[in-house]
Amino acid sequence: MNGEAVIMTKGDRNLGATYIKEWRRAAGMTLEALGAEIGMTHASLSRIEARKQPYSQGILEAIADVFGCKPSDLLSGPPPAIDEGPGTSVVSDDIPRQPRRPHHLKAWAQKRGLARPTDLARELDIDKSMVTRWFQGTTPSEESLSKLGALFGVEPEALFRDPEEEWVARFLRGRSADEIERIKQTLEVAFPRKTG
């Protein structure tokens, strides 16, 4: 083979090469995690990746949905590189680099019931591949952060905090340094650190 995926069919079952493994690894997913997303065992997925088990168009569509790509992308090649090293993240050479900044976008989306890239993409009316990249760690643009903040009902800066801890930031916002110090002392008395 020359590196291109070749599709052989038997009815509607495809027996050809795919790049599912490469897409799965690029997304940082295990066979178990991908299987759970599409309702399939990790053993079956492993056999599909190894070309030992056929797959249906429906399976290919479900997998593509998880990765935020088209089914044809899974047949045509590995995903585009989105990380060129520490501190940078790019989709391609002609798109400006966005500094990587750890965010909790996936947790915010899950809290809102939008755990799959397609769900969040639909809410924002954007391409699901963009959401997939965000879920993989790419930092959204300032414009996207504003839209996400509006969707989740928080300031964009809150997306860089765990949603379960956001209440602390809201509680402390606008308080004076003296007031925060008194709160800290009260908490230290109420919850002493264990030593030894």
N, C-alpha and C. Protein backbone atom coordinates (compact mmCIF):
# COMPACT_ATOMS: atom_id res chain seq x y z
N MET A 1 0.83 -1.20 0.00
CA MET A 1 0.00 0.00 0.00
C MET A 1 0.87 1.25 0.00
N ASN A 2 0.36 2.30 -0.53
CA ASN A 2 1.11 3.55 -0.63
C ASN A 2 0.73 4.55 0.45
N GLY A 3 0.15 4.09 1.56
CA GLY A 3 -0.24 4.98 2.65
C GLY A 3 -1.66 5.47 2.56
N GLU A 4 -2.35 5.21 1.45
CA GLU A 4 -3.73 5.64 1.31
C GLU A 4 -4.66 4.53 1.79
N ALA A 5 -5.77 4.93 2.37
CA ALA A 5 -6.75 3.95 2.83
C ALA A 5 -7.45 3.33 1.62
N VAL A 6 -7.59 2.03 1.64
CA VAL A 6 -8.27 1.32 0.57
C VAL A 6 -9.52 0.71 1.17
N ILE A 7 -10.65 0.90 0.53
CA ILE A 7 -11.90 0.37 1.05
C ILE A 7 -12.33 -0.82 0.23
N MET A 8 -12.54 -1.93 0.91
CA MET A 8 -13.12 -3.11 0.28
C MET A 8 -14.45 -3.31 0.99
N THR A 9 -15.48 -3.63 0.29
CA THR A 9 -16.77 -3.77 0.94
C THR A 9 -17.33 -5.16 0.76
N LYS A 10 -18.12 -5.53 1.72
CA LYS A 10 -18.86 -6.79 1.69
C LYS A 10 -20.25 -6.39 2.16
N GLY A 11 -21.15 -6.13 1.21
CA GLY A 11 -22.44 -5.55 1.57
C GLY A 11 -22.19 -4.13 2.02
N ASP A 12 -22.73 -3.76 3.17
CA ASP A 12 -22.46 -2.42 3.68
C ASP A 12 -21.38 -2.43 4.75
N ARG A 13 -20.69 -3.56 4.89
CA ARG A 13 -19.63 -3.68 5.89
C ARG A 13 -18.29 -3.39 5.23
N ASN A 14 -17.54 -2.48 5.77
CA ASN A 14 -16.26 -2.09 5.20
C ASN A 14 -15.14 -2.88 5.85
N LEU A 15 -14.22 -3.34 5.04
CA LEU A 15 -13.10 -4.13 5.53
C LEU A 15 -11.77 -3.41 5.30
N GLY A 16 -11.81 -2.18 4.82
CA GLY A 16 -10.59 -1.48 4.43
C GLY A 16 -9.88 -0.79 5.59
N ALA A 17 -8.74 -0.24 5.25
CA ALA A 17 -7.91 0.46 6.23
C ALA A 17 -8.58 1.76 6.65
N THR A 18 -8.38 2.10 7.89
CA THR A 18 -8.85 3.38 8.41
C THR A 18 -7.71 3.99 9.22
N TYR A 19 -7.93 5.21 9.63
CA TYR A 19 -6.98 5.90 10.49
C TYR A 19 -7.62 6.14 11.86
N ILE A 20 -8.52 5.26 12.26
CA ILE A 20 -9.21 5.41 13.54
C ILE A 20 -8.21 5.45 14.68
N LYS A 21 -7.25 4.54 14.67
CA LYS A 21 -6.27 4.49 15.76
C LYS A 21 -5.52 5.82 15.88
N GLU A 22 -5.10 6.38 14.75
CA GLU A 22 -4.37 7.64 14.79
C GLU A 22 -5.23 8.78 15.33
N TRP A 23 -6.50 8.82 14.91
CA TRP A 23 -7.42 9.84 15.42
C TRP A 23 -7.67 9.63 16.91
N ARG A 24 -7.83 8.38 17.32
CA ARG A 24 -8.08 8.08 18.74
C ARG A 24 -6.89 8.51 19.58
N ARG A 25 -5.70 8.17 19.14
CA ARG A 25 -4.50 8.53 19.90
C ARG A 25 -4.29 10.04 19.95
N ALA A 26 -4.56 10.71 18.83
CA ALA A 26 -4.43 12.17 18.81
C ALA A 26 -5.40 12.83 19.78
N ALA A 27 -6.55 12.19 19.98
CA ALA A 27 -7.55 12.72 20.93
C ALA A 27 -7.22 12.33 22.37
N GLY A 28 -6.18 11.49 22.54
CA GLY A 28 -5.80 11.05 23.88
C GLY A 28 -6.80 10.08 24.48
N MET A 29 -7.49 9.33 23.64
CA MET A 29 -8.52 8.41 24.11
C MET A 29 -8.01 6.98 24.10
N THR A 30 -8.45 6.21 25.07
CA THR A 30 -8.19 4.78 25.09
C THR A 30 -9.26 4.08 24.27
N LEU A 31 -9.00 2.82 23.96
CA LEU A 31 -10.03 2.02 23.28
C LEU A 31 -11.29 1.96 24.13
N GLU A 32 -11.10 1.83 25.45
CA GLU A 32 -12.24 1.74 26.36
C GLU A 32 -13.08 3.02 26.33
N ALA A 33 -12.40 4.17 26.34
CA ALA A 33 -13.12 5.45 26.34
C ALA A 33 -13.89 5.65 25.04
N LEU A 34 -13.25 5.36 23.92
CA LEU A 34 -13.95 5.50 22.64
C LEU A 34 -15.10 4.51 22.56
N GLY A 35 -14.88 3.29 23.01
CA GLY A 35 -15.94 2.29 23.01
C GLY A 35 -17.14 2.74 23.82
N ALA A 36 -16.87 3.33 24.99
CA ALA A 36 -17.97 3.82 25.84
C ALA A 36 -18.76 4.92 25.13
N GLU A 37 -18.06 5.77 24.38
CA GLU A 37 -18.72 6.87 23.66
C GLU A 37 -19.67 6.36 22.58
N ILE A 38 -19.28 5.27 21.92
CA ILE A 38 -20.09 4.80 20.78
C ILE A 38 -20.85 3.52 21.07
N GLY A 39 -20.75 3.00 22.30
CA GLY A 39 -21.49 1.80 22.67
C GLY A 39 -20.93 0.53 22.06
N MET A 40 -19.63 0.39 22.11
CA MET A 40 -18.96 -0.76 21.51
C MET A 40 -17.85 -1.22 22.46
N THR A 41 -17.53 -2.50 22.46
CA THR A 41 -16.46 -2.98 23.34
C THR A 41 -15.10 -2.56 22.80
N HIS A 42 -14.15 -2.44 23.73
CA HIS A 42 -12.80 -2.08 23.30
C HIS A 42 -12.19 -3.18 22.44
N ALA A 43 -12.58 -4.42 22.69
CA ALA A 43 -12.06 -5.54 21.90
C ALA A 43 -12.51 -5.43 20.44
N SER A 44 -13.77 -5.08 20.24
CA SER A 44 -14.27 -4.91 18.86
C SER A 44 -13.56 -3.76 18.16
N LEU A 45 -13.38 -2.65 18.89
CA LEU A 45 -12.68 -1.51 18.30
C LEU A 45 -11.24 -1.88 17.94
N SER A 46 -10.60 -2.64 18.80
CA SER A 46 -9.23 -3.06 18.53
C SER A 46 -9.16 -3.89 17.25
N ARG A 47 -10.13 -4.78 17.07
CA ARG A 47 -10.16 -5.61 15.86
C ARG A 47 -10.44 -4.76 14.61
N ILE A 48 -11.28 -3.74 14.75
CA ILE A 48 -11.53 -2.84 13.61
C ILE A 48 -10.25 -2.08 13.26
N GLU A 49 -9.57 -1.57 14.29
CA GLU A 49 -8.32 -0.85 14.03
C GLU A 49 -7.28 -1.74 13.36
N ALA A 50 -7.28 -3.03 13.71
CA ALA A 50 -6.31 -3.98 13.15
C ALA A 50 -6.79 -4.59 11.82
N ARG A 51 -7.95 -4.16 11.34
CA ARG A 51 -8.56 -4.66 10.09
C ARG A 51 -8.90 -6.15 10.18
N LYS A 52 -9.24 -6.60 11.37
CA LYS A 52 -9.64 -8.00 11.56
C LYS A 52 -11.14 -8.13 11.69
N GLN A 53 -11.83 -7.01 11.79
CA GLN A 53 -13.29 -7.01 11.92
C GLN A 53 -13.84 -5.89 11.04
N PRO A 54 -14.90 -6.17 10.29
CA PRO A 54 -15.49 -5.11 9.45
C PRO A 54 -16.23 -4.09 10.31
N TYR A 55 -16.47 -2.95 9.73
CA TYR A 55 -17.23 -1.90 10.40
C TYR A 55 -18.30 -1.39 9.45
N SER A 56 -19.38 -0.90 10.03
CA SER A 56 -20.47 -0.37 9.21
C SER A 56 -20.29 1.14 9.05
N GLN A 57 -21.03 1.69 8.14
CA GLN A 57 -21.02 3.14 7.95
C GLN A 57 -21.48 3.83 9.24
N GLY A 58 -22.45 3.21 9.93
CA GLY A 58 -22.94 3.77 11.19
C GLY A 58 -21.86 3.87 12.25
N ILE A 59 -21.02 2.84 12.34
CA ILE A 59 -19.92 2.86 13.30
C ILE A 59 -18.94 3.97 12.93
N LEU A 60 -18.61 4.06 11.66
CA LEU A 60 -17.69 5.09 11.20
C LEU A 60 -18.24 6.48 11.51
N GLU A 61 -19.54 6.68 11.30
CA GLU A 61 -20.16 7.97 11.59
C GLU A 61 -20.14 8.28 13.08
N ALA A 62 -20.38 7.26 13.92
CA ALA A 62 -20.36 7.46 15.37
C ALA A 62 -18.96 7.85 15.84
N ILE A 63 -17.95 7.18 15.30
CA ILE A 63 -16.57 7.50 15.68
C ILE A 63 -16.21 8.90 15.21
N ALA A 64 -16.58 9.24 13.99
CA ALA A 64 -16.30 10.58 13.46
C ALA A 64 -16.98 11.64 14.31
N ASP A 65 -18.18 11.35 14.80
CA ASP A 65 -18.92 12.27 15.64
C ASP A 65 -18.15 12.56 16.93
N VAL A 66 -17.56 11.53 17.51
CA VAL A 66 -16.78 11.70 18.74
C VAL A 66 -15.57 12.60 18.50
N PHE A 67 -14.90 12.41 17.36
CA PHE A 67 -13.69 13.17 17.07
C PHE A 67 -13.97 14.51 16.41
N GLY A 68 -15.23 14.78 16.10
CA GLY A 68 -15.57 16.05 15.49
C GLY A 68 -15.05 16.19 14.07
N CYS A 69 -15.08 15.08 13.34
CA CYS A 69 -14.62 15.11 11.95
C CYS A 69 -15.65 14.42 11.07
N LYS A 70 -15.38 14.34 9.79
CA LYS A 70 -16.26 13.64 8.87
C LYS A 70 -15.81 12.19 8.77
N PRO A 71 -16.71 11.25 8.49
CA PRO A 71 -16.30 9.86 8.31
C PRO A 71 -15.19 9.71 7.28
N SER A 72 -15.23 10.51 6.23
CA SER A 72 -14.19 10.42 5.20
C SER A 72 -12.81 10.79 5.74
N ASP A 73 -12.78 11.64 6.79
CA ASP A 73 -11.49 11.99 7.40
C ASP A 73 -10.82 10.77 8.02
N LEU A 74 -11.64 9.86 8.56
CA LEU A 74 -11.10 8.66 9.19
C LEU A 74 -10.52 7.70 8.15
N LEU A 75 -10.91 7.88 6.91
CA LEU A 75 -10.42 7.02 5.83
C LEU A 75 -9.27 7.65 5.06
N SER A 76 -9.17 8.96 5.11
CA SER A 76 -8.20 9.64 4.24
C SER A 76 -6.84 9.89 4.88
N GLY A 77 -6.76 9.87 6.19
CA GLY A 77 -5.45 10.08 6.81
C GLY A 77 -5.56 10.44 8.27
N PRO A 78 -4.41 10.55 8.93
CA PRO A 78 -4.41 10.91 10.34
C PRO A 78 -4.87 12.35 10.53
N PRO A 79 -5.22 12.72 11.75
CA PRO A 79 -5.68 14.10 11.99
C PRO A 79 -4.54 15.09 11.79
N PRO A 80 -4.89 16.34 11.48
CA PRO A 80 -3.83 17.35 11.34
C PRO A 80 -3.18 17.60 12.69
N ALA A 81 -1.91 17.92 12.66
CA ALA A 81 -1.20 18.23 13.90
C ALA A 81 -1.78 19.51 14.47
N ILE A 82 -2.04 19.50 15.76
CA ILE A 82 -2.58 20.70 16.38
C ILE A 82 -1.68 21.25 17.46
N ASP A 83 -0.56 20.58 17.74
CA ASP A 83 0.33 21.06 18.79
C ASP A 83 1.75 21.04 18.27
N GLU A 84 2.37 22.20 18.24
CA GLU A 84 3.75 22.27 17.78
C GLU A 84 4.70 22.49 18.94
N GLY A 85 4.36 22.00 20.09
CA GLY A 85 5.27 22.10 21.23
C GLY A 85 4.69 22.96 22.32
N PRO A 86 5.44 23.09 23.42
CA PRO A 86 4.96 23.84 24.56
C PRO A 86 4.65 25.29 24.20
N GLY A 87 3.51 25.74 24.66
CA GLY A 87 3.15 27.14 24.51
C GLY A 87 2.51 27.52 23.20
N THR A 88 2.39 26.60 22.27
CA THR A 88 1.77 26.94 20.99
C THR A 88 0.75 25.89 20.63
N SER A 89 -0.18 26.31 19.85
CA SER A 89 -1.18 25.39 19.34
C SER A 89 -1.64 25.92 18.00
N VAL A 90 -1.58 25.09 16.98
CA VAL A 90 -2.01 25.52 15.66
C VAL A 90 -2.82 24.44 15.00
N VAL A 91 -3.68 24.83 14.10
CA VAL A 91 -4.44 23.88 13.30
C VAL A 91 -3.71 23.67 11.99
N SER A 92 -3.20 24.71 11.40
CA SER A 92 -2.39 24.60 10.19
C SER A 92 -1.45 25.80 10.15
N ASP A 93 -0.54 25.80 9.19
CA ASP A 93 0.46 26.85 9.13
C ASP A 93 -0.11 28.23 8.84
N ASP A 94 -1.29 28.31 8.22
CA ASP A 94 -1.83 29.61 7.85
C ASP A 94 -2.78 30.19 8.89
N ILE A 95 -2.96 29.52 10.01
CA ILE A 95 -3.82 30.02 11.08
C ILE A 95 -2.93 30.52 12.22
N PRO A 96 -3.18 31.72 12.74
CA PRO A 96 -2.32 32.25 13.79
C PRO A 96 -2.27 31.33 15.01
N ARG A 97 -1.15 31.33 15.64
CA ARG A 97 -0.97 30.50 16.84
C ARG A 97 -1.68 31.12 18.03
N GLN A 98 -2.26 30.28 18.83
CA GLN A 98 -2.93 30.70 20.05
C GLN A 98 -2.16 30.08 21.21
N PRO A 99 -1.65 30.89 22.15
CA PRO A 99 -0.91 30.30 23.26
C PRO A 99 -1.78 29.28 24.00
N ARG A 100 -1.16 28.21 24.41
CA ARG A 100 -1.87 27.17 25.14
C ARG A 100 -2.00 27.62 26.59
N ARG A 101 -3.20 27.53 27.10
CA ARG A 101 -3.47 27.90 28.49
C ARG A 101 -4.43 26.86 29.03
N PRO A 102 -4.06 26.20 30.12
CA PRO A 102 -4.95 25.15 30.65
C PRO A 102 -6.34 25.72 30.96
N HIS A 103 -7.34 25.04 30.47
CA HIS A 103 -8.72 25.47 30.71
C HIS A 103 -9.55 24.26 31.14
N HIS A 104 -10.75 24.53 31.59
CA HIS A 104 -11.66 23.48 32.06
C HIS A 104 -12.92 23.45 31.19
N LEU A 105 -12.75 23.73 29.92
CA LEU A 105 -13.89 23.82 29.01
C LEU A 105 -14.69 22.53 28.97
N LYS A 106 -14.00 21.40 28.95
CA LYS A 106 -14.71 20.12 28.88
C LYS A 106 -15.58 19.92 30.13
N ALA A 107 -15.06 20.28 31.29
CA ALA A 107 -15.84 20.14 32.53
C ALA A 107 -17.06 21.08 32.52
N TRP A 108 -16.88 22.31 32.01
CA TRP A 108 -18.01 23.23 31.92
C TRP A 108 -19.07 22.68 30.96
N ALA A 109 -18.62 22.11 29.85
CA ALA A 109 -19.55 21.55 28.88
C ALA A 109 -20.30 20.36 29.47
N GLN A 110 -19.59 19.49 30.18
CA GLN A 110 -20.23 18.33 30.80
C GLN A 110 -21.25 18.76 31.84
N LYS A 111 -20.91 19.78 32.61
CA LYS A 111 -21.83 20.29 33.63
C LYS A 111 -23.13 20.80 32.99
N ARG A 112 -23.03 21.31 31.79
CA ARG A 112 -24.19 21.83 31.06
C ARG A 112 -24.89 20.76 30.22
N GLY A 113 -24.36 19.50 30.27
CA GLY A 113 -24.96 18.42 29.49
C GLY A 113 -24.53 18.42 28.04
N LEU A 114 -23.38 19.01 27.76
CA LEU A 114 -22.86 19.10 26.39
C LEU A 114 -21.51 18.40 26.30
N ALA A 115 -21.46 17.15 26.74
CA ALA A 115 -20.19 16.42 26.86
C ALA A 115 -19.57 16.06 25.52
N ARG A 116 -20.37 15.90 24.48
CA ARG A 116 -19.82 15.51 23.18
C ARG A 116 -19.53 16.76 22.35
N PRO A 117 -18.44 16.74 21.59
CA PRO A 117 -18.11 17.91 20.77
C PRO A 117 -19.27 18.37 19.88
N THR A 118 -20.04 17.41 19.35
CA THR A 118 -21.14 17.80 18.47
C THR A 118 -22.21 18.59 19.22
N ASP A 119 -22.43 18.25 20.49
CA ASP A 119 -23.44 18.96 21.28
C ASP A 119 -23.06 20.43 21.46
N LEU A 120 -21.81 20.65 21.87
CA LEU A 120 -21.35 22.03 22.09
C LEU A 120 -21.25 22.79 20.77
N ALA A 121 -20.79 22.12 19.73
CA ALA A 121 -20.69 22.76 18.41
C ALA A 121 -22.06 23.22 17.93
N ARG A 122 -23.07 22.40 18.16
CA ARG A 122 -24.44 22.74 17.75
C ARG A 122 -24.92 23.98 18.51
N GLU A 123 -24.64 24.05 19.80
CA GLU A 123 -25.06 25.20 20.61
C GLU A 123 -24.40 26.50 20.13
N LEU A 124 -23.13 26.40 19.72
CA LEU A 124 -22.39 27.58 19.30
C LEU A 124 -22.46 27.83 17.80
N ASP A 125 -23.06 26.89 17.07
CA ASP A 125 -23.16 26.97 15.62
C ASP A 125 -21.77 27.10 14.98
N ILE A 126 -20.88 26.18 15.39
CA ILE A 126 -19.53 26.14 14.83
C ILE A 126 -19.22 24.71 14.41
N ASP A 127 -18.12 24.53 13.72
CA ASP A 127 -17.69 23.21 13.27
C ASP A 127 -17.24 22.39 14.47
N LYS A 128 -17.68 21.14 14.52
CA LYS A 128 -17.36 20.30 15.68
C LYS A 128 -15.88 19.98 15.79
N SER A 129 -15.13 20.09 14.71
CA SER A 129 -13.69 19.84 14.80
C SER A 129 -13.02 20.89 15.68
N MET A 130 -13.55 22.09 15.70
CA MET A 130 -13.02 23.14 16.56
C MET A 130 -13.22 22.76 18.03
N VAL A 131 -14.40 22.28 18.37
CA VAL A 131 -14.68 21.88 19.75
C VAL A 131 -13.80 20.69 20.13
N THR A 132 -13.61 19.76 19.22
CA THR A 132 -12.73 18.61 19.49
C THR A 132 -11.34 19.10 19.83
N ARG A 133 -10.84 20.06 19.11
CA ARG A 133 -9.51 20.61 19.40
C ARG A 133 -9.48 21.25 20.78
N TRP A 134 -10.55 21.97 21.12
CA TRP A 134 -10.61 22.56 22.45
C TRP A 134 -10.58 21.48 23.52
N PHE A 135 -11.38 20.42 23.31
CA PHE A 135 -11.44 19.33 24.29
C PHE A 135 -10.09 18.63 24.42
N GLN A 136 -9.26 18.72 23.38
CA GLN A 136 -7.92 18.13 23.42
C GLN A 136 -6.91 19.07 24.06
N GLY A 137 -7.32 20.29 24.39
CA GLY A 137 -6.44 21.20 25.10
C GLY A 137 -6.11 22.50 24.40
N THR A 138 -6.50 22.66 23.14
CA THR A 138 -6.25 23.92 22.44
C THR A 138 -7.04 25.04 23.10
N THR A 139 -6.41 26.18 23.30
CA THR A 139 -7.09 27.31 23.92
C THR A 139 -7.96 28.03 22.89
N PRO A 140 -9.24 28.22 23.19
CA PRO A 140 -10.12 28.94 22.26
C PRO A 140 -9.67 30.40 22.09
N SER A 141 -10.05 30.99 20.97
CA SER A 141 -9.75 32.41 20.73
C SER A 141 -10.54 33.26 21.72
N GLU A 142 -10.15 34.53 21.82
CA GLU A 142 -10.86 35.45 22.72
C GLU A 142 -12.34 35.53 22.36
N GLU A 143 -12.64 35.59 21.07
CA GLU A 143 -14.03 35.66 20.61
C GLU A 143 -14.79 34.40 21.04
N SER A 144 -14.17 33.24 20.86
CA SER A 144 -14.81 31.99 21.25
C SER A 144 -14.99 31.91 22.75
N LEU A 145 -14.00 32.39 23.51
CA LEU A 145 -14.12 32.39 24.97
C LEU A 145 -15.31 33.24 25.41
N SER A 146 -15.51 34.37 24.74
CA SER A 146 -16.66 35.22 25.07
C SER A 146 -17.98 34.50 24.81
N LYS A 147 -18.06 33.81 23.66
CA LYS A 147 -19.28 33.05 23.34
C LYS A 147 -19.49 31.92 24.34
N LEU A 148 -18.42 31.23 24.70
CA LEU A 148 -18.52 30.13 25.66
C LEU A 148 -18.95 30.64 27.03
N GLY A 149 -18.36 31.75 27.46
CA GLY A 149 -18.74 32.34 28.73
C GLY A 149 -20.22 32.70 28.76
N ALA A 150 -20.70 33.30 27.67
CA ALA A 150 -22.12 33.65 27.58
C ALA A 150 -23.00 32.40 27.62
N LEU A 151 -22.57 31.35 26.92
CA LEU A 151 -23.34 30.11 26.91
C LEU A 151 -23.44 29.50 28.30
N PHE A 152 -22.32 29.52 29.03
CA PHE A 152 -22.30 28.90 30.36
C PHE A 152 -22.71 29.87 31.47
N GLY A 153 -22.97 31.13 31.12
CA GLY A 153 -23.42 32.11 32.10
C GLY A 153 -22.33 32.55 33.07
N VAL A 154 -21.08 32.60 32.58
CA VAL A 154 -19.96 33.02 33.43
C VAL A 154 -19.07 33.96 32.63
N GLU A 155 -18.19 34.65 33.33
CA GLU A 155 -17.17 35.45 32.66
C GLU A 155 -16.21 34.51 31.95
N PRO A 156 -15.66 34.89 30.81
CA PRO A 156 -14.73 34.01 30.09
C PRO A 156 -13.58 33.51 30.96
N GLU A 157 -13.11 34.34 31.88
CA GLU A 157 -11.99 33.94 32.75
C GLU A 157 -12.35 32.73 33.62
N ALA A 158 -13.64 32.55 33.91
CA ALA A 158 -14.08 31.41 34.73
C ALA A 158 -13.81 30.08 34.04
N LEU A 159 -13.71 30.08 32.71
CA LEU A 159 -13.48 28.84 31.97
C LEU A 159 -12.10 28.25 32.26
N PHE A 160 -11.23 29.03 32.88
CA PHE A 160 -9.90 28.55 33.25
C PHE A 160 -9.87 28.03 34.68
N ARG A 161 -11.03 27.95 35.30
CA ARG A 161 -11.17 27.36 36.64
C ARG A 161 -12.15 26.20 36.54
N ASP A 162 -11.97 25.24 37.41
CA ASP A 162 -12.89 24.11 37.47
C ASP A 162 -14.27 24.64 37.86
N PRO A 163 -15.32 24.20 37.19
CA PRO A 163 -16.66 24.72 37.52
C PRO A 163 -17.08 24.43 38.96
N GLU A 164 -16.53 23.37 39.53
CA GLU A 164 -16.86 23.04 40.92
C GLU A 164 -16.20 24.00 41.90
N GLU A 165 -15.17 24.73 41.45
CA GLU A 165 -14.47 25.69 42.31
C GLU A 165 -14.84 27.13 42.00
N GLU A 166 -15.64 27.35 40.98
CA GLU A 166 -16.00 28.70 40.56
C GLU A 166 -16.74 29.46 41.65
N TRP A 167 -17.50 28.76 42.48
CA TRP A 167 -18.24 29.44 43.54
C TRP A 167 -17.29 30.15 44.50
N VAL A 168 -16.10 29.59 44.71
CA VAL A 168 -15.13 30.22 45.61
C VAL A 168 -14.69 31.56 45.02
N ALA A 169 -14.39 31.57 43.73
CA ALA A 169 -13.98 32.81 43.07
C ALA A 169 -15.09 33.85 43.15
N ARG A 170 -16.34 33.42 42.92
CA ARG A 170 -17.47 34.36 43.01
C ARG A 170 -17.63 34.88 44.43
N PHE A 171 -17.44 34.00 45.42
CA PHE A 171 -17.58 34.37 46.83
C PHE A 171 -16.53 35.41 47.22
N LEU A 172 -15.31 35.24 46.72
CA LEU A 172 -14.22 36.14 47.11
C LEU A 172 -14.14 37.41 46.26
N ARG A 173 -14.78 37.40 45.11
CA ARG A 173 -14.71 38.55 44.19
C ARG A 173 -15.25 39.80 44.88
N GLY A 174 -14.49 40.88 44.78
CA GLY A 174 -14.94 42.16 45.32
C GLY A 174 -14.67 42.35 46.81
N ARG A 175 -14.13 41.35 47.46
CA ARG A 175 -13.83 41.48 48.89
C ARG A 175 -12.45 42.11 49.07
N SER A 176 -12.29 42.81 50.18
CA SER A 176 -11.00 43.46 50.46
C SER A 176 -9.99 42.41 50.92
N ALA A 177 -8.71 42.79 50.88
CA ALA A 177 -7.64 41.88 51.32
C ALA A 177 -7.81 41.52 52.80
N ASP A 178 -8.24 42.50 53.62
CA ASP A 178 -8.46 42.23 55.05
C ASP A 178 -9.58 41.21 55.25
N GLU A 179 -10.65 41.38 54.49
CA GLU A 179 -11.78 40.45 54.60
C GLU A 179 -11.38 39.04 54.18
N ILE A 180 -10.61 38.94 53.11
CA ILE A 180 -10.14 37.63 52.65
C ILE A 180 -9.23 36.99 53.69
N GLU A 181 -8.38 37.79 54.32
CA GLU A 181 -7.49 37.27 55.37
C GLU A 181 -8.30 36.75 56.56
N ARG A 182 -9.36 37.45 56.96
CA ARG A 182 -10.22 36.98 58.06
C ARG A 182 -10.90 35.66 57.68
N ILE A 183 -11.37 35.55 56.45
CA ILE A 183 -11.99 34.31 55.98
C ILE A 183 -10.97 33.17 56.04
N LYS A 184 -9.76 33.45 55.59
CA LYS A 184 -8.70 32.44 55.61
C LYS A 184 -8.42 31.98 57.04
N GLN A 185 -8.30 32.92 57.97
CA GLN A 185 -8.04 32.56 59.37
C GLN A 185 -9.19 31.74 59.95
N THR A 186 -10.40 32.10 59.64
CA THR A 186 -11.57 31.35 60.12
C THR A 186 -11.53 29.92 59.60
N LEU A 187 -11.20 29.75 58.34
CA LEU A 187 -11.12 28.41 57.76
C LEU A 187 -9.99 27.60 58.37
N GLU A 188 -8.87 28.24 58.66
CA GLU A 188 -7.75 27.52 59.28
C GLU A 188 -8.10 27.04 60.68
N VAL A 189 -8.89 27.83 61.42
CA VAL A 189 -9.32 27.41 62.75
C VAL A 189 -10.34 26.28 62.63
N ALA A 190 -11.26 26.42 61.70
CA ALA A 190 -12.31 25.41 61.54
C ALA A 190 -11.78 24.10 60.97
N PHE A 191 -10.78 24.19 60.12
CA PHE A 191 -10.22 23.00 59.46
C PHE A 191 -8.70 22.98 59.61
N PRO A 192 -8.22 22.66 60.83
CA PRO A 192 -6.77 22.68 61.05
C PRO A 192 -6.07 21.63 60.19
N ARG A 193 -4.86 21.99 59.76
CA ARG A 193 -4.06 21.05 58.98
C ARG A 193 -3.53 19.97 59.89
N LYS A 194 -3.58 18.75 59.40
CA LYS A 194 -3.04 17.63 60.17
C LYS A 194 -1.54 17.57 59.91
N THR A 195 -0.78 17.40 60.96
CA THR A 195 0.67 17.29 60.82
C THR A 195 1.12 15.90 61.21
N GLY A 196 2.26 15.52 60.64
CA GLY A 196 2.85 14.24 61.01
C GLY A 196 2.40 13.15 60.24
